[in-house]
N, C-alpha and C. Protein backbone atom coordinates (compact mmCIF):
# COMPACT_ATOMS: atom_id res chain seq x y z
N GLU A 1 -86.10 12.50 9.58
CA GLU A 1 -85.04 11.56 9.16
C GLU A 1 -85.64 10.15 9.10
N CYS A 2 -85.58 9.57 7.93
CA CYS A 2 -86.11 8.22 7.74
C CYS A 2 -85.14 7.19 8.32
N GLU A 3 -85.71 6.08 8.74
CA GLU A 3 -84.87 4.99 9.26
C GLU A 3 -84.00 4.43 8.16
N LYS A 4 -82.84 3.91 8.55
CA LYS A 4 -81.95 3.24 7.60
C LYS A 4 -82.64 2.00 7.04
N LEU A 5 -82.36 1.70 5.79
CA LEU A 5 -82.86 0.47 5.20
C LEU A 5 -81.98 -0.69 5.65
N SER A 6 -82.59 -1.86 5.82
CA SER A 6 -81.87 -3.03 6.31
C SER A 6 -81.90 -4.16 5.29
N ALA A 7 -80.70 -4.58 4.86
CA ALA A 7 -80.60 -5.71 3.93
C ALA A 7 -81.15 -6.99 4.56
N ASP A 8 -80.93 -7.16 5.86
CA ASP A 8 -81.45 -8.34 6.56
C ASP A 8 -82.97 -8.35 6.56
N GLU A 9 -83.58 -7.19 6.86
CA GLU A 9 -85.04 -7.11 6.93
C GLU A 9 -85.68 -7.36 5.57
N ILE A 10 -85.15 -6.73 4.53
CA ILE A 10 -85.78 -6.90 3.21
C ILE A 10 -85.56 -8.32 2.69
N SER A 11 -84.41 -8.92 2.99
CA SER A 11 -84.16 -10.32 2.59
C SER A 11 -85.13 -11.26 3.29
N ALA A 12 -85.38 -11.02 4.57
CA ALA A 12 -86.30 -11.86 5.35
C ALA A 12 -87.71 -11.84 4.75
N LEU A 13 -88.09 -10.72 4.12
CA LEU A 13 -89.43 -10.61 3.52
C LEU A 13 -89.62 -11.53 2.32
N VAL A 14 -88.52 -11.89 1.64
CA VAL A 14 -88.65 -12.64 0.39
C VAL A 14 -88.17 -14.09 0.47
N ILE A 15 -87.46 -14.45 1.53
CA ILE A 15 -86.96 -15.83 1.66
C ILE A 15 -88.13 -16.81 1.71
N SER A 16 -87.98 -17.92 1.00
CA SER A 16 -89.04 -18.94 0.94
C SER A 16 -88.39 -20.32 0.84
N PRO A 17 -88.99 -21.32 1.50
CA PRO A 17 -88.43 -22.67 1.44
C PRO A 17 -88.37 -23.24 0.02
N CYS A 18 -89.24 -22.77 -0.88
CA CYS A 18 -89.26 -23.31 -2.24
C CYS A 18 -88.32 -22.56 -3.18
N CYS A 19 -87.59 -21.60 -2.65
CA CYS A 19 -86.70 -20.79 -3.48
C CYS A 19 -85.24 -21.02 -3.12
N GLY A 20 -84.41 -21.20 -4.15
CA GLY A 20 -82.99 -21.36 -3.93
C GLY A 20 -82.21 -20.08 -4.15
N ALA A 21 -82.91 -18.99 -4.50
CA ALA A 21 -82.23 -17.73 -4.80
C ALA A 21 -82.96 -16.54 -4.19
N VAL A 22 -82.20 -15.67 -3.57
CA VAL A 22 -82.67 -14.33 -3.20
C VAL A 22 -81.66 -13.36 -3.80
N SER A 23 -82.13 -12.52 -4.71
CA SER A 23 -81.26 -11.51 -5.31
C SER A 23 -81.59 -10.16 -4.70
N LEU A 24 -80.53 -9.40 -4.37
CA LEU A 24 -80.68 -8.14 -3.65
C LEU A 24 -79.89 -7.05 -4.34
N PHE A 25 -80.55 -5.93 -4.61
CA PHE A 25 -79.85 -4.75 -5.10
C PHE A 25 -79.93 -3.67 -4.03
N ILE A 26 -78.79 -3.03 -3.75
CA ILE A 26 -78.74 -1.93 -2.79
C ILE A 26 -78.15 -0.72 -3.50
N GLY A 27 -78.92 0.35 -3.59
CA GLY A 27 -78.43 1.60 -4.17
C GLY A 27 -78.01 2.53 -3.04
N THR A 28 -76.74 2.97 -3.05
CA THR A 28 -76.21 3.80 -1.97
C THR A 28 -75.83 5.19 -2.47
N THR A 29 -75.71 6.13 -1.55
CA THR A 29 -75.30 7.50 -1.87
C THR A 29 -73.78 7.54 -2.04
N ARG A 30 -73.35 7.99 -3.22
CA ARG A 30 -71.90 8.12 -3.42
C ARG A 30 -71.47 9.56 -3.13
N ASN A 31 -70.18 9.74 -2.93
CA ASN A 31 -69.68 11.02 -2.42
C ASN A 31 -69.31 12.03 -3.51
N HIS A 32 -69.66 11.71 -4.79
CA HIS A 32 -69.32 12.65 -5.85
C HIS A 32 -70.31 12.51 -7.00
N PHE A 33 -70.44 13.59 -7.77
CA PHE A 33 -71.23 13.56 -9.01
C PHE A 33 -70.58 14.52 -9.99
N GLU A 34 -70.13 13.98 -11.13
CA GLU A 34 -69.50 14.79 -12.17
C GLU A 34 -68.43 15.73 -11.59
N GLY A 35 -67.56 15.14 -10.75
CA GLY A 35 -66.43 15.89 -10.21
C GLY A 35 -66.73 16.77 -9.02
N ARG A 36 -67.97 16.82 -8.58
CA ARG A 36 -68.34 17.65 -7.42
C ARG A 36 -68.53 16.77 -6.19
N LYS A 37 -68.17 17.30 -5.04
CA LYS A 37 -68.30 16.56 -3.79
C LYS A 37 -69.74 16.64 -3.29
N VAL A 38 -70.35 15.46 -3.12
CA VAL A 38 -71.73 15.37 -2.62
C VAL A 38 -71.69 15.08 -1.13
N ILE A 39 -72.51 15.80 -0.37
CA ILE A 39 -72.58 15.61 1.09
C ILE A 39 -73.69 14.63 1.46
N GLN A 40 -74.84 14.77 0.79
CA GLN A 40 -75.97 13.86 1.01
C GLN A 40 -76.94 13.99 -0.15
N LEU A 41 -77.90 13.07 -0.20
CA LEU A 41 -79.00 13.16 -1.17
C LEU A 41 -80.30 13.33 -0.40
N ASP A 42 -81.19 14.15 -0.94
CA ASP A 42 -82.52 14.33 -0.37
C ASP A 42 -83.53 13.80 -1.39
N TYR A 43 -84.44 12.93 -0.92
CA TYR A 43 -85.45 12.35 -1.81
C TYR A 43 -86.84 12.82 -1.42
N GLU A 44 -87.65 13.11 -2.44
CA GLU A 44 -89.07 13.39 -2.26
C GLU A 44 -89.83 12.53 -3.26
N ALA A 45 -91.07 12.22 -2.92
CA ALA A 45 -91.88 11.40 -3.84
C ALA A 45 -93.32 11.87 -3.82
N TYR A 46 -94.01 11.62 -4.94
CA TYR A 46 -95.46 11.76 -4.97
C TYR A 46 -96.00 10.37 -4.65
N ALA A 47 -96.31 10.16 -3.36
CA ALA A 47 -96.55 8.81 -2.84
C ALA A 47 -97.64 8.01 -3.56
N PRO A 48 -98.85 8.57 -3.79
CA PRO A 48 -99.89 7.74 -4.43
C PRO A 48 -99.47 7.21 -5.80
N MET A 49 -98.85 8.08 -6.61
CA MET A 49 -98.42 7.66 -7.94
C MET A 49 -97.22 6.72 -7.84
N ALA A 50 -96.31 6.98 -6.91
CA ALA A 50 -95.14 6.12 -6.72
C ALA A 50 -95.57 4.70 -6.36
N GLU A 51 -96.52 4.60 -5.42
CA GLU A 51 -97.01 3.28 -4.99
C GLU A 51 -97.70 2.55 -6.14
N ALA A 52 -98.48 3.27 -6.93
CA ALA A 52 -99.16 2.67 -8.09
C ALA A 52 -98.15 2.16 -9.10
N GLU A 53 -97.09 2.94 -9.36
CA GLU A 53 -96.06 2.52 -10.31
C GLU A 53 -95.29 1.31 -9.80
N LEU A 54 -95.00 1.27 -8.50
CA LEU A 54 -94.29 0.12 -7.93
C LEU A 54 -95.13 -1.15 -8.05
N LYS A 55 -96.45 -1.03 -7.82
CA LYS A 55 -97.34 -2.19 -7.98
C LYS A 55 -97.33 -2.67 -9.42
N LYS A 56 -97.30 -1.72 -10.37
CA LYS A 56 -97.26 -2.06 -11.79
C LYS A 56 -95.96 -2.81 -12.13
N ILE A 57 -94.84 -2.34 -11.58
CA ILE A 57 -93.55 -3.02 -11.80
C ILE A 57 -93.63 -4.46 -11.29
N CYS A 58 -94.19 -4.64 -10.10
CA CYS A 58 -94.33 -6.00 -9.53
C CYS A 58 -95.18 -6.88 -10.44
N ALA A 59 -96.28 -6.34 -10.95
CA ALA A 59 -97.16 -7.11 -11.85
C ALA A 59 -96.41 -7.48 -13.14
N ASP A 60 -95.63 -6.53 -13.66
CA ASP A 60 -94.84 -6.80 -14.88
C ASP A 60 -93.81 -7.90 -14.64
N ILE A 61 -93.15 -7.86 -13.48
CA ILE A 61 -92.16 -8.89 -13.14
C ILE A 61 -92.83 -10.26 -13.11
N ARG A 62 -94.03 -10.33 -12.54
CA ARG A 62 -94.73 -11.63 -12.43
C ARG A 62 -95.13 -12.17 -13.80
N LEU A 63 -95.40 -11.27 -14.74
CA LEU A 63 -95.69 -11.70 -16.12
C LEU A 63 -94.42 -12.18 -16.82
N LYS A 64 -93.33 -11.43 -16.68
CA LYS A 64 -92.08 -11.76 -17.37
C LYS A 64 -91.36 -12.96 -16.77
N TRP A 65 -91.41 -13.08 -15.43
CA TRP A 65 -90.73 -14.18 -14.73
C TRP A 65 -91.74 -14.86 -13.81
N PRO A 66 -92.57 -15.76 -14.37
CA PRO A 66 -93.65 -16.38 -13.59
C PRO A 66 -93.16 -17.17 -12.37
N SER A 67 -91.90 -17.61 -12.39
CA SER A 67 -91.40 -18.39 -11.25
C SER A 67 -91.01 -17.53 -10.04
N VAL A 68 -90.96 -16.21 -10.22
CA VAL A 68 -90.61 -15.32 -9.09
C VAL A 68 -91.64 -15.52 -7.97
N LYS A 69 -91.14 -15.69 -6.74
CA LYS A 69 -92.01 -15.94 -5.60
C LYS A 69 -92.37 -14.64 -4.87
N HIS A 70 -91.38 -13.95 -4.32
CA HIS A 70 -91.64 -12.73 -3.55
C HIS A 70 -90.82 -11.56 -4.08
N ILE A 71 -91.41 -10.36 -3.97
CA ILE A 71 -90.75 -9.12 -4.40
C ILE A 71 -90.89 -8.11 -3.27
N ALA A 72 -89.78 -7.47 -2.89
CA ALA A 72 -89.84 -6.39 -1.89
C ALA A 72 -89.01 -5.22 -2.42
N ILE A 73 -89.60 -4.01 -2.32
CA ILE A 73 -88.93 -2.79 -2.77
C ILE A 73 -89.04 -1.76 -1.64
N HIS A 74 -87.90 -1.28 -1.17
CA HIS A 74 -87.88 -0.22 -0.15
C HIS A 74 -87.12 0.98 -0.71
N HIS A 75 -87.72 2.18 -0.60
CA HIS A 75 -87.02 3.40 -1.01
C HIS A 75 -87.14 4.42 0.12
N ARG A 76 -86.01 4.94 0.55
CA ARG A 76 -86.01 5.97 1.59
C ARG A 76 -86.42 7.31 1.01
N LEU A 77 -87.08 8.11 1.82
CA LEU A 77 -87.36 9.50 1.49
C LEU A 77 -86.66 10.37 2.53
N GLY A 78 -86.49 11.65 2.22
CA GLY A 78 -85.75 12.52 3.12
C GLY A 78 -84.26 12.45 2.82
N SER A 79 -83.44 12.78 3.82
CA SER A 79 -81.99 12.85 3.62
C SER A 79 -81.33 11.49 3.77
N VAL A 80 -80.45 11.18 2.84
CA VAL A 80 -79.69 9.93 2.88
C VAL A 80 -78.20 10.27 2.82
N PRO A 81 -77.46 10.08 3.94
CA PRO A 81 -76.04 10.42 3.97
C PRO A 81 -75.19 9.50 3.08
N ILE A 82 -73.95 9.91 2.85
CA ILE A 82 -72.98 9.16 2.04
C ILE A 82 -72.86 7.73 2.56
N SER A 83 -72.81 6.78 1.64
CA SER A 83 -72.63 5.35 1.90
C SER A 83 -73.86 4.65 2.49
N GLU A 84 -74.92 5.39 2.78
CA GLU A 84 -76.15 4.73 3.25
C GLU A 84 -77.04 4.39 2.06
N ALA A 85 -77.92 3.41 2.25
CA ALA A 85 -78.79 2.95 1.17
C ALA A 85 -80.00 3.85 1.01
N SER A 86 -80.29 4.18 -0.25
CA SER A 86 -81.52 4.93 -0.55
C SER A 86 -82.60 4.00 -1.09
N VAL A 87 -82.17 2.90 -1.72
CA VAL A 87 -83.15 1.97 -2.30
C VAL A 87 -82.63 0.54 -2.18
N MET A 88 -83.56 -0.39 -1.92
CA MET A 88 -83.24 -1.81 -1.90
C MET A 88 -84.34 -2.58 -2.62
N VAL A 89 -83.92 -3.55 -3.42
CA VAL A 89 -84.86 -4.44 -4.10
C VAL A 89 -84.43 -5.86 -3.77
N ALA A 90 -85.38 -6.69 -3.32
CA ALA A 90 -85.09 -8.11 -3.04
C ALA A 90 -86.15 -8.96 -3.74
N ILE A 91 -85.69 -9.99 -4.43
CA ILE A 91 -86.60 -10.88 -5.17
C ILE A 91 -86.14 -12.32 -5.00
N SER A 92 -87.10 -13.20 -4.71
CA SER A 92 -86.78 -14.63 -4.58
C SER A 92 -87.40 -15.42 -5.72
N SER A 93 -86.69 -16.49 -6.09
CA SER A 93 -87.17 -17.40 -7.13
C SER A 93 -86.50 -18.75 -6.91
N PRO A 94 -87.04 -19.82 -7.52
CA PRO A 94 -86.41 -21.13 -7.34
C PRO A 94 -84.96 -21.17 -7.81
N HIS A 95 -84.67 -20.45 -8.91
CA HIS A 95 -83.31 -20.44 -9.49
C HIS A 95 -82.82 -19.01 -9.65
N ARG A 96 -81.49 -18.82 -9.67
CA ARG A 96 -80.91 -17.47 -9.61
C ARG A 96 -81.15 -16.62 -10.85
N THR A 97 -81.21 -17.25 -12.02
CA THR A 97 -81.32 -16.45 -13.25
C THR A 97 -82.53 -15.52 -13.22
N GLU A 98 -83.68 -16.08 -12.82
CA GLU A 98 -84.92 -15.29 -12.81
C GLU A 98 -84.84 -14.14 -11.81
N SER A 99 -84.34 -14.42 -10.60
CA SER A 99 -84.32 -13.36 -9.60
C SER A 99 -83.31 -12.27 -9.96
N LEU A 100 -82.16 -12.66 -10.51
CA LEU A 100 -81.15 -11.66 -10.93
C LEU A 100 -81.69 -10.78 -12.05
N GLU A 101 -82.30 -11.39 -13.06
CA GLU A 101 -82.87 -10.62 -14.17
C GLU A 101 -84.00 -9.70 -13.69
N ALA A 102 -84.84 -10.24 -12.80
CA ALA A 102 -85.98 -9.47 -12.31
C ALA A 102 -85.54 -8.27 -11.45
N VAL A 103 -84.49 -8.45 -10.67
CA VAL A 103 -83.96 -7.34 -9.85
C VAL A 103 -83.43 -6.23 -10.76
N GLN A 104 -82.70 -6.60 -11.79
CA GLN A 104 -82.17 -5.59 -12.70
C GLN A 104 -83.31 -4.85 -13.41
N TYR A 105 -84.30 -5.59 -13.87
CA TYR A 105 -85.47 -4.97 -14.51
C TYR A 105 -86.17 -4.03 -13.52
N CYS A 106 -86.30 -4.48 -12.30
CA CYS A 106 -87.02 -3.72 -11.27
C CYS A 106 -86.36 -2.37 -11.00
N ILE A 107 -85.05 -2.36 -10.75
CA ILE A 107 -84.38 -1.10 -10.42
C ILE A 107 -84.34 -0.18 -11.63
N ASN A 108 -84.12 -0.73 -12.83
CA ASN A 108 -84.09 0.12 -14.03
C ASN A 108 -85.45 0.74 -14.31
N THR A 109 -86.52 -0.05 -14.13
CA THR A 109 -87.87 0.45 -14.38
C THR A 109 -88.28 1.45 -13.30
N LEU A 110 -87.92 1.18 -12.05
CA LEU A 110 -88.19 2.11 -10.96
C LEU A 110 -87.59 3.48 -11.27
N LYS A 111 -86.32 3.49 -11.69
CA LYS A 111 -85.63 4.76 -12.01
C LYS A 111 -86.34 5.50 -13.14
N ALA A 112 -86.91 4.74 -14.09
CA ALA A 112 -87.53 5.35 -15.27
C ALA A 112 -88.96 5.82 -15.03
N THR A 113 -89.70 5.15 -14.14
CA THR A 113 -91.15 5.40 -14.08
C THR A 113 -91.69 5.91 -12.75
N VAL A 114 -90.96 5.71 -11.67
CA VAL A 114 -91.52 6.05 -10.35
C VAL A 114 -91.19 7.50 -9.99
N PRO A 115 -92.21 8.31 -9.64
CA PRO A 115 -91.98 9.73 -9.36
C PRO A 115 -91.31 9.97 -8.01
N ILE A 116 -89.99 9.78 -8.02
CA ILE A 116 -89.16 10.07 -6.85
C ILE A 116 -88.09 11.06 -7.31
N TRP A 117 -88.00 12.19 -6.62
CA TRP A 117 -87.05 13.23 -7.00
C TRP A 117 -85.86 13.20 -6.07
N LYS A 118 -84.68 13.47 -6.66
CA LYS A 118 -83.43 13.41 -5.91
C LYS A 118 -82.77 14.77 -5.94
N LYS A 119 -82.45 15.30 -4.77
CA LYS A 119 -81.67 16.55 -4.70
C LYS A 119 -80.28 16.21 -4.21
N GLU A 120 -79.27 16.62 -4.99
CA GLU A 120 -77.89 16.41 -4.59
C GLU A 120 -77.43 17.63 -3.79
N VAL A 121 -76.98 17.37 -2.57
CA VAL A 121 -76.50 18.45 -1.71
C VAL A 121 -74.98 18.45 -1.74
N TYR A 122 -74.41 19.57 -2.22
CA TYR A 122 -72.96 19.72 -2.33
C TYR A 122 -72.45 20.54 -1.14
N GLU A 123 -71.14 20.75 -1.08
CA GLU A 123 -70.55 21.54 0.00
C GLU A 123 -71.11 22.96 -0.01
N ASP A 124 -71.32 23.53 -1.22
CA ASP A 124 -71.69 24.95 -1.30
C ASP A 124 -73.11 25.21 -1.80
N ASP A 125 -73.74 24.24 -2.46
CA ASP A 125 -75.11 24.43 -2.92
C ASP A 125 -75.76 23.07 -3.17
N SER A 126 -76.91 23.07 -3.86
CA SER A 126 -77.60 21.80 -4.14
C SER A 126 -78.32 21.93 -5.46
N SER A 127 -78.68 20.77 -6.05
CA SER A 127 -79.47 20.82 -7.28
C SER A 127 -80.32 19.56 -7.41
N TRP A 128 -81.56 19.76 -7.89
CA TRP A 128 -82.46 18.64 -8.13
C TRP A 128 -82.04 17.94 -9.40
N LYS A 129 -82.05 16.61 -9.38
CA LYS A 129 -81.65 15.81 -10.55
C LYS A 129 -82.81 14.93 -10.98
N GLU A 130 -82.96 14.76 -12.30
CA GLU A 130 -83.87 13.73 -12.76
C GLU A 130 -83.03 12.53 -13.18
N ASN A 131 -83.57 11.35 -13.00
CA ASN A 131 -82.88 10.16 -13.47
C ASN A 131 -82.78 10.22 -14.99
N LYS A 132 -81.63 9.86 -15.52
CA LYS A 132 -81.44 9.91 -16.98
C LYS A 132 -82.43 9.00 -17.71
N GLU A 133 -82.87 7.94 -17.01
CA GLU A 133 -83.79 6.99 -17.64
C GLU A 133 -85.25 7.44 -17.53
N CYS A 134 -85.48 8.59 -16.93
CA CYS A 134 -86.81 8.97 -16.46
C CYS A 134 -87.72 9.52 -17.56
N PHE A 135 -88.69 8.73 -18.02
CA PHE A 135 -89.52 9.20 -19.12
C PHE A 135 -90.70 10.06 -18.65
N TRP A 136 -91.18 9.88 -17.42
CA TRP A 136 -92.36 10.66 -16.99
C TRP A 136 -92.03 12.14 -16.82
N MET A 137 -90.77 12.48 -16.48
CA MET A 137 -90.39 13.90 -16.37
C MET A 137 -90.45 14.56 -17.75
N LYS A 138 -89.99 13.82 -18.77
CA LYS A 138 -89.97 14.37 -20.13
C LYS A 138 -91.40 14.60 -20.64
N MET A 139 -92.32 13.73 -20.22
CA MET A 139 -93.71 13.88 -20.65
C MET A 139 -94.36 15.13 -20.05
N GLU A 140 -93.99 15.46 -18.80
CA GLU A 140 -94.62 16.59 -18.12
C GLU A 140 -94.11 17.94 -18.62
N LYS A 141 -92.90 17.96 -19.19
CA LYS A 141 -92.29 19.24 -19.60
C LYS A 141 -92.93 19.79 -20.85
């Protein structure tokens, strides 16, 4: 069982005296999917490739938003119960526009490129899901 993610901890990693904005995205486990009751989500990752892709996302953010100061991305693996966070992204910048845009880009790109698999556990069974934005799964098939 992985430790819970902390909004305070990830925010502390990116706060800077020269920045007036910290933008934070928290992705949580919801209790339903397409009309079915979800009990929890289980996450697995191919760690070396996941870490490489996350570094690439950070490099892309720095090119697109040069004023961004700090970037922190935390993703839980293992079981994540209902209402708990599975992913957090925190980004600081001098002004809010850059950090808000960069956070949105970060989570969307993470979903599309980072090899993290999600299993939805229902009351009676479970099923592995790919992110709808996920292009690397389509390439492997």
